[in-house]
Amino acid sequence: MPRYNPNATYVDDNFGTYEMEDQDDCDFYFQVQAESVEKECLGCERKVMLRPDYAYCNSCATKREQGWDI
């Protein structure tokens, strides 16, 4: 696994921007990246990298939680 870099920004389609505090957070981030597959988001229809059991990218999931009809 890559080493934790406190100056790096870690972003993905599953959870958005990660708040990294230590190597465990970094390990989790790279585990999520390794498990993710290319899928079409059911909300915005973009091709994104998501965990196999996810259907919406982070942006669309947030909108759905806020009551948007997507």
N, C-alpha and C. Protein backbone atom coordinates (compact mmCIF):
# COMPACT_ATOMS: atom_id res chain seq x y z
N MET A 1 0.83 -1.19 0.00
CA MET A 1 0.00 0.00 0.00
C MET A 1 0.88 1.26 0.00
N PRO A 2 0.42 2.28 -0.69
CA PRO A 2 1.15 3.55 -0.66
C PRO A 2 1.17 4.15 0.75
N ARG A 3 2.18 4.92 1.00
CA ARG A 3 2.29 5.56 2.31
C ARG A 3 1.44 6.81 2.39
N TYR A 4 0.96 7.09 3.57
CA TYR A 4 0.13 8.26 3.85
C TYR A 4 0.92 9.54 3.59
N ASN A 5 0.32 10.44 2.84
CA ASN A 5 0.93 11.74 2.54
C ASN A 5 -0.03 12.82 3.04
N PRO A 6 0.29 13.52 4.12
CA PRO A 6 -0.63 14.52 4.67
C PRO A 6 -0.88 15.70 3.74
N ASN A 7 -0.07 15.88 2.72
CA ASN A 7 -0.24 17.00 1.79
C ASN A 7 -1.07 16.64 0.56
N ALA A 8 -1.42 15.37 0.41
CA ALA A 8 -2.17 14.93 -0.76
C ALA A 8 -3.67 15.08 -0.53
N THR A 9 -4.40 15.26 -1.62
CA THR A 9 -5.86 15.28 -1.59
C THR A 9 -6.34 13.95 -2.14
N TYR A 10 -7.18 13.28 -1.39
CA TYR A 10 -7.69 11.97 -1.78
C TYR A 10 -9.18 12.10 -2.09
N VAL A 11 -9.56 11.85 -3.34
CA VAL A 11 -10.94 12.00 -3.79
C VAL A 11 -11.32 10.78 -4.62
N ASP A 12 -12.57 10.32 -4.48
CA ASP A 12 -13.06 9.27 -5.36
C ASP A 12 -14.57 9.40 -5.52
N ASP A 13 -15.15 8.55 -6.40
CA ASP A 13 -16.57 8.62 -6.70
C ASP A 13 -17.44 7.96 -5.63
N ASN A 14 -16.84 7.16 -4.73
CA ASN A 14 -17.60 6.48 -3.69
C ASN A 14 -17.95 7.40 -2.52
N PHE A 15 -16.96 8.12 -2.02
CA PHE A 15 -17.13 8.90 -0.80
C PHE A 15 -16.76 10.37 -0.96
N GLY A 16 -16.37 10.80 -2.13
CA GLY A 16 -15.97 12.19 -2.32
C GLY A 16 -14.57 12.44 -1.81
N THR A 17 -14.39 13.51 -1.06
CA THR A 17 -13.07 13.86 -0.52
C THR A 17 -12.87 13.19 0.83
N TYR A 18 -11.76 12.51 0.95
CA TYR A 18 -11.42 11.84 2.20
C TYR A 18 -10.67 12.78 3.13
N GLU A 19 -10.98 12.71 4.40
CA GLU A 19 -10.22 13.44 5.41
C GLU A 19 -9.23 12.45 6.02
N MET A 20 -7.99 12.54 5.57
CA MET A 20 -6.96 11.61 6.02
C MET A 20 -6.31 12.09 7.30
N GLU A 21 -6.24 11.19 8.26
CA GLU A 21 -5.58 11.52 9.52
C GLU A 21 -4.39 10.62 9.82
N ASP A 22 -4.36 9.44 9.19
CA ASP A 22 -3.27 8.51 9.48
C ASP A 22 -3.16 7.44 8.39
N GLN A 23 -2.24 6.53 8.58
CA GLN A 23 -2.00 5.48 7.59
C GLN A 23 -3.21 4.56 7.44
N ASP A 24 -3.97 4.32 8.51
CA ASP A 24 -5.17 3.47 8.41
C ASP A 24 -6.18 4.07 7.45
N ASP A 25 -6.37 5.40 7.51
CA ASP A 25 -7.28 6.07 6.57
C ASP A 25 -6.78 5.90 5.14
N CYS A 26 -5.49 6.03 4.96
CA CYS A 26 -4.88 5.87 3.63
C CYS A 26 -5.08 4.44 3.12
N ASP A 27 -4.87 3.46 3.99
CA ASP A 27 -5.06 2.06 3.60
C ASP A 27 -6.50 1.80 3.19
N PHE A 28 -7.47 2.36 3.93
CA PHE A 28 -8.88 2.20 3.58
C PHE A 28 -9.17 2.81 2.21
N TYR A 29 -8.65 4.00 1.97
CA TYR A 29 -8.85 4.66 0.68
C TYR A 29 -8.37 3.76 -0.47
N PHE A 30 -7.17 3.22 -0.36
CA PHE A 30 -6.64 2.40 -1.44
C PHE A 30 -7.34 1.06 -1.54
N GLN A 31 -7.89 0.56 -0.44
CA GLN A 31 -8.70 -0.66 -0.48
C GLN A 31 -9.98 -0.39 -1.29
N VAL A 32 -10.62 0.74 -1.03
CA VAL A 32 -11.83 1.12 -1.77
C VAL A 32 -11.50 1.26 -3.25
N GLN A 33 -10.36 1.87 -3.57
CA GLN A 33 -9.97 2.02 -4.98
C GLN A 33 -9.80 0.66 -5.65
N ALA A 34 -9.19 -0.27 -4.93
CA ALA A 34 -8.93 -1.59 -5.50
C ALA A 34 -10.23 -2.38 -5.71
N GLU A 35 -11.23 -2.16 -4.87
CA GLU A 35 -12.50 -2.87 -4.97
C GLU A 35 -13.45 -2.24 -5.99
N SER A 36 -13.21 -1.02 -6.39
CA SER A 36 -14.13 -0.29 -7.27
C SER A 36 -14.04 -0.79 -8.71
N VAL A 37 -15.19 -0.72 -9.38
CA VAL A 37 -15.28 -1.12 -10.78
C VAL A 37 -15.94 0.02 -11.56
N GLU A 38 -15.70 0.05 -12.86
CA GLU A 38 -16.33 1.10 -13.67
C GLU A 38 -17.81 0.77 -13.85
N LYS A 39 -18.64 1.74 -13.50
CA LYS A 39 -20.09 1.59 -13.63
C LYS A 39 -20.68 2.90 -14.11
N GLU A 40 -21.93 2.82 -14.57
CA GLU A 40 -22.66 4.03 -14.91
C GLU A 40 -23.51 4.42 -13.71
N CYS A 41 -23.32 5.63 -13.21
CA CYS A 41 -24.10 6.13 -12.08
C CYS A 41 -25.57 6.22 -12.50
N LEU A 42 -26.47 5.72 -11.65
CA LEU A 42 -27.89 5.75 -11.97
C LEU A 42 -28.49 7.16 -11.89
N GLY A 43 -27.77 8.09 -11.28
CA GLY A 43 -28.26 9.46 -11.17
C GLY A 43 -27.86 10.33 -12.34
N CYS A 44 -26.55 10.44 -12.57
CA CYS A 44 -26.04 11.36 -13.60
C CYS A 44 -25.63 10.65 -14.89
N GLU A 45 -25.62 9.32 -14.85
CA GLU A 45 -25.28 8.48 -16.00
C GLU A 45 -23.83 8.64 -16.46
N ARG A 46 -22.97 9.19 -15.59
CA ARG A 46 -21.53 9.25 -15.92
C ARG A 46 -20.91 7.90 -15.64
N LYS A 47 -19.84 7.60 -16.36
CA LYS A 47 -19.02 6.43 -16.06
C LYS A 47 -18.13 6.79 -14.88
N VAL A 48 -18.24 6.05 -13.80
CA VAL A 48 -17.49 6.34 -12.58
C VAL A 48 -16.95 5.04 -12.01
N MET A 49 -16.00 5.16 -11.10
CA MET A 49 -15.45 4.01 -10.40
C MET A 49 -16.16 3.90 -9.05
N LEU A 50 -16.97 2.84 -8.90
CA LEU A 50 -17.75 2.62 -7.68
C LEU A 50 -17.53 1.22 -7.15
N ARG A 51 -17.78 1.05 -5.87
CA ARG A 51 -17.81 -0.29 -5.30
C ARG A 51 -18.93 -1.06 -6.00
N PRO A 52 -18.78 -2.37 -6.15
CA PRO A 52 -19.77 -3.15 -6.90
C PRO A 52 -21.21 -3.03 -6.38
N ASP A 53 -21.40 -2.82 -5.09
CA ASP A 53 -22.75 -2.75 -4.53
C ASP A 53 -23.31 -1.33 -4.50
N TYR A 54 -22.59 -0.35 -5.02
CA TYR A 54 -23.07 1.04 -5.07
C TYR A 54 -23.68 1.31 -6.45
N ALA A 55 -24.73 2.16 -6.48
CA ALA A 55 -25.38 2.51 -7.74
C ALA A 55 -25.23 3.99 -8.09
N TYR A 56 -24.91 4.82 -7.09
CA TYR A 56 -24.83 6.27 -7.28
C TYR A 56 -23.45 6.77 -6.88
N CYS A 57 -22.93 7.74 -7.64
CA CYS A 57 -21.67 8.38 -7.27
C CYS A 57 -21.91 9.24 -6.03
N ASN A 58 -20.85 9.70 -5.41
CA ASN A 58 -20.97 10.50 -4.20
C ASN A 58 -21.83 11.74 -4.40
N SER A 59 -21.65 12.44 -5.51
CA SER A 59 -22.43 13.66 -5.77
C SER A 59 -23.92 13.35 -5.85
N CYS A 60 -24.28 12.31 -6.56
CA CYS A 60 -25.70 11.96 -6.69
C CYS A 60 -26.26 11.40 -5.39
N ALA A 61 -25.47 10.63 -4.66
CA ALA A 61 -25.93 10.11 -3.38
C ALA A 61 -26.23 11.25 -2.41
N THR A 62 -25.38 12.26 -2.40
CA THR A 62 -25.61 13.43 -1.54
C THR A 62 -26.89 14.15 -1.95
N LYS A 63 -27.11 14.32 -3.24
CA LYS A 63 -28.33 14.98 -3.71
C LYS A 63 -29.57 14.19 -3.32
N ARG A 64 -29.51 12.86 -3.45
CA ARG A 64 -30.64 12.02 -3.06
C ARG A 64 -30.91 12.16 -1.55
N GLU A 65 -29.87 12.20 -0.75
CA GLU A 65 -30.04 12.36 0.70
C GLU A 65 -30.67 13.72 1.03
N GLN A 66 -30.44 14.72 0.18
CA GLN A 66 -30.99 16.04 0.40
C GLN A 66 -32.38 16.21 -0.20
N GLY A 67 -32.92 15.13 -0.78
CA GLY A 67 -34.28 15.16 -1.29
C GLY A 67 -34.44 15.45 -2.77
N TRP A 68 -33.34 15.57 -3.49
CA TRP A 68 -33.45 15.80 -4.93
C TRP A 68 -34.07 14.57 -5.59
N ASP A 69 -34.78 14.79 -6.66
CA ASP A 69 -35.39 13.70 -7.40
C ASP A 69 -34.50 13.33 -8.59
N ILE A 70 -33.58 12.44 -8.35
CA ILE A 70 -32.70 11.98 -9.44
C ILE A 70 -32.73 10.47 -9.51
